[in-house]
PDB file of N, CA and C in Angstrom:
ATOM      1  N   MET A   1     -36.696   7.337   2.414  1.00  0.00           N
ATOM      2  CA  MET A   1     -35.427   6.708   2.055  1.00  0.00           C
ATOM      3  C   MET A   1     -34.552   6.601   3.303  1.00  0.00           C
ATOM      4  N   THR A   2     -33.988   5.467   3.527  1.00  0.00           N
ATOM      5  CA  THR A   2     -33.181   5.259   4.724  1.00  0.00           C
ATOM      6  C   THR A   2     -31.715   5.566   4.452  1.00  0.00           C
ATOM      7  N   ASP A   3     -30.979   5.838   5.518  1.00  0.00           N
ATOM      8  CA  ASP A   3     -29.542   6.075   5.400  1.00  0.00           C
ATOM      9  C   ASP A   3     -28.838   4.869   4.787  1.00  0.00           C
ATOM     10  N   LYS A   4     -29.307   3.672   5.147  1.00  0.00           N
ATOM     11  CA  LYS A   4     -28.687   2.452   4.624  1.00  0.00           C
ATOM     12  C   LYS A   4     -28.806   2.393   3.110  1.00  0.00           C
ATOM     13  N   SER A   5     -29.969   2.752   2.576  1.00  0.00           N
ATOM     14  CA  SER A   5     -30.130   2.672   1.126  1.00  0.00           C
ATOM     15  C   SER A   5     -29.263   3.713   0.423  1.00  0.00           C
ATOM     16  N   ILE A   6     -29.081   4.871   1.019  1.00  0.00           N
ATOM     17  CA  ILE A   6     -28.191   5.874   0.428  1.00  0.00           C
ATOM     18  C   ILE A   6     -26.762   5.351   0.435  1.00  0.00           C
ATOM     19  N   LYS A   7     -26.344   4.791   1.558  1.00  0.00           N
ATOM     20  CA  LYS A   7     -24.985   4.241   1.639  1.00  0.00           C
ATOM     21  C   LYS A   7     -24.803   3.105   0.635  1.00  0.00           C
ATOM     22  N   ASP A   8     -25.810   2.265   0.483  1.00  0.00           N
ATOM     23  CA  ASP A   8     -25.742   1.179  -0.502  1.00  0.00           C
ATOM     24  C   ASP A   8     -25.609   1.735  -1.914  1.00  0.00           C
ATOM     25  N   ARG A   9     -26.367   2.785  -2.223  1.00  0.00           N
ATOM     26  CA  ARG A   9     -26.304   3.381  -3.555  1.00  0.00           C
ATOM     27  C   ARG A   9     -24.949   4.032  -3.811  1.00  0.00           C
ATOM     28  N   VAL A  10     -24.387   4.672  -2.780  1.00  0.00           N
ATOM     29  CA  VAL A  10     -23.044   5.251  -2.909  1.00  0.00           C
ATOM     30  C   VAL A  10     -22.027   4.135  -3.153  1.00  0.00           C
ATOM     31  N   SER A  11     -22.154   3.044  -2.410  1.00  0.00           N
ATOM     32  CA  SER A  11     -21.245   1.908  -2.589  1.00  0.00           C
ATOM     33  C   SER A  11     -21.325   1.354  -4.010  1.00  0.00           C
ATOM     34  N   LYS A  12     -22.532   1.257  -4.553  1.00  0.00           N
ATOM     35  CA  LYS A  12     -22.693   0.773  -5.927  1.00  0.00           C
ATOM     36  C   LYS A  12     -22.028   1.714  -6.925  1.00  0.00           C
ATOM     37  N   ALA A  13     -22.153   3.014  -6.694  1.00  0.00           N
ATOM     38  CA  ALA A  13     -21.501   3.990  -7.581  1.00  0.00           C
ATOM     39  C   ALA A  13     -19.984   3.834  -7.509  1.00  0.00           C
ATOM     40  N   LEU A  14     -19.460   3.596  -6.309  1.00  0.00           N
ATOM     41  CA  LEU A  14     -18.019   3.390  -6.155  1.00  0.00           C
ATOM     42  C   LEU A  14     -17.571   2.123  -6.875  1.00  0.00           C
ATOM     43  N   GLU A  15     -18.405   1.100  -6.851  1.00  0.00           N
ATOM     44  CA  GLU A  15     -18.066  -0.144  -7.552  1.00  0.00           C
ATOM     45  C   GLU A  15     -17.937   0.095  -9.059  1.00  0.00           C
ATOM     46  N   ARG A  16     -18.682   1.062  -9.577  1.00  0.00           N
ATOM     47  CA  ARG A  16     -18.597   1.376 -11.009  1.00  0.00           C
ATOM     48  C   ARG A  16     -17.288   2.087 -11.370  1.00  0.00           C
ATOM     49  N   VAL A  17     -16.757   2.908 -10.457  1.00  0.00           N
ATOM     50  CA  VAL A  17     -15.514   3.633 -10.761  1.00  0.00           C
ATOM     51  C   VAL A  17     -14.266   2.869 -10.314  1.00  0.00           C
ATOM     52  N   ARG A  18     -14.445   1.925  -9.422  1.00  0.00           N
ATOM     53  CA  ARG A  18     -13.313   1.173  -8.877  1.00  0.00           C
ATOM     54  C   ARG A  18     -12.416   0.548  -9.953  1.00  0.00           C
ATOM     55  N   PRO A  19     -12.965  -0.092 -10.998  1.00  0.00           N
ATOM     56  CA  PRO A  19     -12.081  -0.701 -12.015  1.00  0.00           C
ATOM     57  C   PRO A  19     -11.142   0.310 -12.689  1.00  0.00           C
ATOM     58  N   TYR A  20     -11.597   1.540 -12.856  1.00  0.00           N
ATOM     59  CA  TYR A  20     -10.747   2.569 -13.467  1.00  0.00           C
ATOM     60  C   TYR A  20      -9.587   2.922 -12.551  1.00  0.00           C
ATOM     61  N   LEU A  21      -9.871   3.020 -11.258  1.00  0.00           N
ATOM     62  CA  LEU A  21      -8.818   3.314 -10.287  1.00  0.00           C
ATOM     63  C   LEU A  21      -7.848   2.139 -10.184  1.00  0.00           C
ATOM     64  N   GLN A  22      -8.389   0.935 -10.173  1.00  0.00           N
ATOM     65  CA  GLN A  22      -7.549  -0.254 -10.043  1.00  0.00           C
ATOM     66  C   GLN A  22      -6.658  -0.448 -11.267  1.00  0.00           C
ATOM     67  N   SER A  23      -7.118  -0.004 -12.426  1.00  0.00           N
ATOM     68  CA  SER A  23      -6.298  -0.153 -13.634  1.00  0.00           C
ATOM     69  C   SER A  23      -5.034   0.704 -13.555  1.00  0.00           C
ATOM     70  N   ASP A  24      -5.057   1.721 -12.694  1.00  0.00           N
ATOM     71  CA  ASP A  24      -3.870   2.562 -12.470  1.00  0.00           C
ATOM     72  C   ASP A  24      -3.155   2.203 -11.173  1.00  0.00           C
ATOM     73  N   GLY A  25      -3.526   1.079 -10.566  1.00  0.00           N
ATOM     74  CA  GLY A  25      -2.861   0.630  -9.347  1.00  0.00           C
ATOM     75  C   GLY A  25      -3.413   1.215  -8.070  1.00  0.00           C
ATOM     76  N   GLY A  26      -4.594   1.824  -8.149  1.00  0.00           N
ATOM     77  CA  GLY A  26      -5.191   2.430  -6.957  1.00  0.00           C
ATOM     78  C   GLY A  26      -6.493   1.768  -6.583  1.00  0.00           C
ATOM     79  N   ASP A  27      -7.156   2.361  -5.609  1.00  0.00           N
ATOM     80  CA  ASP A  27      -8.464   1.872  -5.177  1.00  0.00           C
ATOM     81  C   ASP A  27      -9.114   2.966  -4.341  1.00  0.00           C
ATOM     82  N   ILE A  28     -10.318   2.703  -3.881  1.00  0.00           N
ATOM     83  CA  ILE A  28     -11.047   3.679  -3.083  1.00  0.00           C
ATOM     84  C   ILE A  28     -11.856   2.956  -2.024  1.00  0.00           C
ATOM     85  N   ASP A  29     -11.923   3.538  -0.836  1.00  0.00           N
ATOM     86  CA  ASP A  29     -12.715   2.994   0.263  1.00  0.00           C
ATOM     87  C   ASP A  29     -13.725   4.042   0.694  1.00  0.00           C
ATOM     88  N   LEU A  30     -14.954   3.602   0.957  1.00  0.00           N
ATOM     89  CA  LEU A  30     -15.981   4.480   1.506  1.00  0.00           C
ATOM     90  C   LEU A  30     -15.752   4.575   3.006  1.00  0.00           C
ATOM     91  N   VAL A  31     -15.557   5.789   3.512  1.00  0.00           N
ATOM     92  CA  VAL A  31     -15.344   6.002   4.941  1.00  0.00           C
ATOM     93  C   VAL A  31     -16.682   6.239   5.629  1.00  0.00           C
ATOM     94  N   GLU A  32     -17.469   7.192   5.106  1.00  0.00           N
ATOM     95  CA  GLU A  32     -18.786   7.447   5.689  1.00  0.00           C
ATOM     96  C   GLU A  32     -19.630   8.312   4.778  1.00  0.00           C
ATOM     97  N   VAL A  33     -20.934   8.245   5.026  1.00  0.00           N
ATOM     98  CA  VAL A  33     -21.884   9.178   4.435  1.00  0.00           C
ATOM     99  C   VAL A  33     -22.477   9.923   5.624  1.00  0.00           C
ATOM    100  N   SER A  34     -22.196  11.219   5.715  1.00  0.00           N
ATOM    101  CA  SER A  34     -22.632  11.987   6.883  1.00  0.00           C
ATOM    102  C   SER A  34     -24.113  12.331   6.797  1.00  0.00           C
ATOM    103  N   ASP A  35     -24.660  12.779   7.913  1.00  0.00           N
ATOM    104  CA  ASP A  35     -26.068  13.163   7.972  1.00  0.00           C
ATOM    105  C   ASP A  35     -26.380  14.336   7.046  1.00  0.00           C
ATOM    106  N   ASP A  36     -25.360  15.162   6.768  1.00  0.00           N
ATOM    107  CA  ASP A  36     -25.573  16.299   5.869  1.00  0.00           C
ATOM    108  C   ASP A  36     -25.228  15.962   4.418  1.00  0.00           C
ATOM    109  N   MET A  37     -25.207  14.658   4.111  1.00  0.00           N
ATOM    110  CA  MET A  37     -25.054  14.146   2.743  1.00  0.00           C
ATOM    111  C   MET A  37     -23.697  14.465   2.107  1.00  0.00           C
ATOM    112  N   ILE A  38     -22.657  14.395   2.922  1.00  0.00           N
ATOM    113  CA  ILE A  38     -21.291  14.521   2.424  1.00  0.00           C
ATOM    114  C   ILE A  38     -20.644  13.144   2.521  1.00  0.00           C
ATOM    115  N   VAL A  39     -20.080  12.711   1.411  1.00  0.00           N
ATOM    116  CA  VAL A  39     -19.434  11.407   1.353  1.00  0.00           C
ATOM    117  C   VAL A  39     -17.939  11.585   1.609  1.00  0.00           C
ATOM    118  N   LYS A  40     -17.412  10.782   2.526  1.00  0.00           N
ATOM    119  CA  LYS A  40     -15.971  10.764   2.772  1.00  0.00           C
ATOM    120  C   LYS A  40     -15.411   9.466   2.217  1.00  0.00           C
ATOM    121  N   VAL A  41     -14.384   9.600   1.389  1.00  0.00           N
ATOM    122  CA  VAL A  41     -13.735   8.432   0.808  1.00  0.00           C
ATOM    123  C   VAL A  41     -12.238   8.515   1.051  1.00  0.00           C
ATOM    124  N   LYS A  42     -11.585   7.381   0.924  1.00  0.00           N
ATOM    125  CA  LYS A  42     -10.136   7.329   1.060  1.00  0.00           C
ATOM    126  C   LYS A  42      -9.565   6.677  -0.193  1.00  0.00           C
ATOM    127  N   LEU A  43      -8.726   7.433  -0.900  1.00  0.00           N
ATOM    128  CA  LEU A  43      -8.027   6.879  -2.048  1.00  0.00           C
ATOM    129  C   LEU A  43      -6.833   6.089  -1.533  1.00  0.00           C
ATOM    130  N   THR A  44      -6.631   4.906  -2.079  1.00  0.00           N
ATOM    131  CA  THR A  44      -5.552   4.040  -1.613  1.00  0.00           C
ATOM    132  C   THR A  44      -4.679   3.598  -2.781  1.00  0.00           C
ATOM    133  N   GLY A  45      -3.615   2.881  -2.454  1.00  0.00           N
ATOM    134  CA  GLY A  45      -2.709   2.386  -3.494  1.00  0.00           C
ATOM    135  C   GLY A  45      -2.040   3.533  -4.232  1.00  0.00           C
ATOM    136  N   ALA A  46      -1.904   3.405  -5.536  1.00  0.00           N
ATOM    137  CA  ALA A  46      -1.240   4.428  -6.345  1.00  0.00           C
ATOM    138  C   ALA A  46      -2.011   5.752  -6.331  1.00  0.00           C
ATOM    139  N   CYS A  47      -3.310   5.700  -6.043  1.00  0.00           N
ATOM    140  CA  CYS A  47      -4.114   6.932  -6.018  1.00  0.00           C
ATOM    141  C   CYS A  47      -3.796   7.799  -4.797  1.00  0.00           C
ATOM    142  N   HIS A  48      -3.373   7.156  -3.705  1.00  0.00           N
ATOM    143  CA  HIS A  48      -3.061   7.905  -2.486  1.00  0.00           C
ATOM    144  C   HIS A  48      -1.791   8.716  -2.718  1.00  0.00           C
ATOM    145  N   GLY A  49      -1.909  10.028  -2.619  1.00  0.00           N
ATOM    146  CA  GLY A  49      -0.750  10.888  -2.792  1.00  0.00           C
ATOM    147  C   GLY A  49      -0.417  11.223  -4.240  1.00  0.00           C
ATOM    148  N   CYS A  50      -1.192  10.708  -5.178  1.00  0.00           N
ATOM    149  CA  CYS A  50      -0.959  11.014  -6.594  1.00  0.00           C
ATOM    150  C   CYS A  50      -1.273  12.490  -6.835  1.00  0.00           C
ATOM    151  N   PRO A  51      -0.462  13.173  -7.659  1.00  0.00           N
ATOM    152  CA  PRO A  51      -0.731  14.589  -7.920  1.00  0.00           C
ATOM    153  C   PRO A  51      -2.098  14.842  -8.561  1.00  0.00           C
ATOM    154  N   TYR A  52      -2.656  13.834  -9.187  1.00  0.00           N
ATOM    155  CA  TYR A  52      -3.957  13.987  -9.835  1.00  0.00           C
ATOM    156  C   TYR A  52      -5.115  13.478  -8.986  1.00  0.00           C
ATOM    157  N   SER A  53      -4.848  13.127  -7.739  1.00  0.00           N
ATOM    158  CA  SER A  53      -5.886  12.503  -6.911  1.00  0.00           C
ATOM    159  C   SER A  53      -7.085  13.427  -6.680  1.00  0.00           C
ATOM    160  N   MET A  54      -6.864  14.718  -6.488  1.00  0.00           N
ATOM    161  CA  MET A  54      -7.997  15.625  -6.276  1.00  0.00           C
ATOM    162  C   MET A  54      -8.827  15.760  -7.542  1.00  0.00           C
ATOM    163  N   GLN A  55      -8.165  15.778  -8.686  1.00  0.00           N
ATOM    164  CA  GLN A  55      -8.883  15.832  -9.955  1.00  0.00           C
ATOM    165  C   GLN A  55      -9.702  14.550 -10.145  1.00  0.00           C
ATOM    166  N   THR A  56      -9.094  13.424  -9.834  1.00  0.00           N
ATOM    167  CA  THR A  56      -9.804  12.140  -9.916  1.00  0.00           C
ATOM    168  C   THR A  56     -11.016  12.146  -8.992  1.00  0.00           C
ATOM    169  N   LEU A  57     -10.811  12.653  -7.778  1.00  0.00           N
ATOM    170  CA  LEU A  57     -11.885  12.673  -6.791  1.00  0.00           C
ATOM    171  C   LEU A  57     -13.045  13.535  -7.265  1.00  0.00           C
ATOM    172  N   LYS A  58     -12.756  14.745  -7.742  1.00  0.00           N
ATOM    173  CA  LYS A  58     -13.813  15.675  -8.130  1.00  0.00           C
ATOM    174  C   LYS A  58     -14.425  15.334  -9.482  1.00  0.00           C
ATOM    175  N   ALA A  59     -13.598  15.114 -10.490  1.00  0.00           N
ATOM    176  CA  ALA A  59     -14.108  14.917 -11.848  1.00  0.00           C
ATOM    177  C   ALA A  59     -14.626  13.505 -12.077  1.00  0.00           C
ATOM    178  N   GLY A  60     -14.056  12.535 -11.389  1.00  0.00           N
ATOM    179  CA  GLY A  60     -14.466  11.149 -11.610  1.00  0.00           C
ATOM    180  C   GLY A  60     -15.398  10.626 -10.542  1.00  0.00           C
ATOM    181  N   VAL A  61     -14.871  10.508  -9.347  1.00  0.00           N
ATOM    182  CA  VAL A  61     -15.610   9.868  -8.249  1.00  0.00           C
ATOM    183  C   VAL A  61     -16.842  10.682  -7.847  1.00  0.00           C
ATOM    184  N   GLU A  62     -16.656  11.982  -7.613  1.00  0.00           N
ATOM    185  CA  GLU A  62     -17.783  12.806  -7.167  1.00  0.00           C
ATOM    186  C   GLU A  62     -18.896  12.822  -8.215  1.00  0.00           C
ATOM    187  N   GLN A  63     -18.529  12.983  -9.474  1.00  0.00           N
ATOM    188  CA  GLN A  63     -19.546  13.014 -10.528  1.00  0.00           C
ATOM    189  C   GLN A  63     -20.296  11.689 -10.621  1.00  0.00           C
ATOM    190  N   ALA A  64     -19.578  10.583 -10.509  1.00  0.00           N
ATOM    191  CA  ALA A  64     -20.219   9.264 -10.576  1.00  0.00           C
ATOM    192  C   ALA A  64     -21.190   9.063  -9.417  1.00  0.00           C
ATOM    193  N   ILE A  65     -20.781   9.462  -8.221  1.00  0.00           N
ATOM    194  CA  ILE A  65     -21.643   9.295  -7.050  1.00  0.00           C
ATOM    195  C   ILE A  65     -22.871  10.196  -7.167  1.00  0.00           C
ATOM    196  N   MET A  66     -22.663  11.444  -7.543  1.00  0.00           N
ATOM    197  CA  MET A  66     -23.785  12.387  -7.602  1.00  0.00           C
ATOM    198  C   MET A  66     -24.761  12.042  -8.738  1.00  0.00           C
ATOM    199  N   ARG A  67     -24.274  11.415  -9.772  1.00  0.00           N
ATOM    200  CA  ARG A  67     -25.155  10.960 -10.854  1.00  0.00           C
ATOM    201  C   ARG A  67     -26.065   9.830 -10.347  1.00  0.00           C
ATOM    202  N   GLU A  68     -25.503   8.937  -9.548  1.00  0.00           N
ATOM    203  CA  GLU A  68     -26.266   7.798  -9.016  1.00  0.00           C
ATOM    204  C   GLU A  68     -27.111   8.175  -7.795  1.00  0.00           C
ATOM    205  N   VAL A  69     -26.588   9.104  -6.980  1.00  0.00           N
ATOM    206  CA  VAL A  69     -27.244   9.473  -5.720  1.00  0.00           C
ATOM    207  C   VAL A  69     -27.318  10.998  -5.649  1.00  0.00           C
ATOM    208  N   PRO A  70     -28.320  11.597  -6.307  1.00  0.00           N
ATOM    209  CA  PRO A  70     -28.393  13.065  -6.382  1.00  0.00           C
ATOM    210  C   PRO A  70     -28.547  13.765  -5.031  1.00  0.00           C
ATOM    211  N   GLU A  71     -28.905  13.020  -3.998  1.00  0.00           N
ATOM    212  CA  GLU A  71     -29.030  13.623  -2.662  1.00  0.00           C
ATOM    213  C   GLU A  71     -27.674  14.054  -2.098  1.00  0.00           C
ATOM    214  N   ILE A  72     -26.605  13.460  -2.593  1.00  0.00           N
ATOM    215  CA  ILE A  72     -25.264  13.771  -2.088  1.00  0.00           C
ATOM    216  C   ILE A  72     -24.858  15.171  -2.505  1.00  0.00           C
ATOM    217  N   LYS A  73     -24.321  15.927  -1.534  1.00  0.00           N
ATOM    218  CA  LYS A  73     -23.932  17.325  -1.800  1.00  0.00           C
ATOM    219  C   LYS A  73     -22.500  17.427  -2.324  1.00  0.00           C
ATOM    220  N   ARG A  74     -21.599  16.623  -1.739  1.00  0.00           N
ATOM    221  CA  ARG A  74     -20.218  16.624  -2.224  1.00  0.00           C
ATOM    222  C   ARG A  74     -19.469  15.409  -1.711  1.00  0.00           C
ATOM    223  N   VAL A  75     -18.298  15.219  -2.288  1.00  0.00           N
ATOM    224  CA  VAL A  75     -17.438  14.091  -1.930  1.00  0.00           C
ATOM    225  C   VAL A  75     -16.099  14.660  -1.511  1.00  0.00           C
ATOM    226  N   ILE A  76     -15.611  14.253  -0.360  1.00  0.00           N
ATOM    227  CA  ILE A  76     -14.318  14.741   0.133  1.00  0.00           C
ATOM    228  C   ILE A  76     -13.410  13.571   0.469  1.00  0.00           C
ATOM    229  N   SER A  77     -12.136  13.873   0.514  1.00  0.00           N
ATOM    230  CA  SER A  77     -11.131  12.871   0.884  1.00  0.00           C
ATOM    231  C   SER A  77     -10.979  12.856   2.390  1.00  0.00           C
ATOM    232  N   ALA A  78     -10.980  11.672   2.947  1.00  0.00           N
ATOM    233  CA  ALA A  78     -10.844  11.542   4.414  1.00  0.00           C
ATOM    234  C   ALA A  78      -9.382  11.552   4.813  1.00  0.00           C
TER     235      ALA A  78
END
């Protein structure tokens, strides 16, 4: 499996959660997938600085990515 295919799969997982974030006025950008399988994302719009952003990141985004790409170890905010 190539790094590109992992990044593509992570991007597809983000596309699945993006509409939920956008419905609240936010969005998410993929910053990088590191060699040690840690995904860095940036919450933007209303999600940036929201008191619930860490909960959204862990309970929503991280779970969605790890369900689609089990190789990923965790998701962090950049």
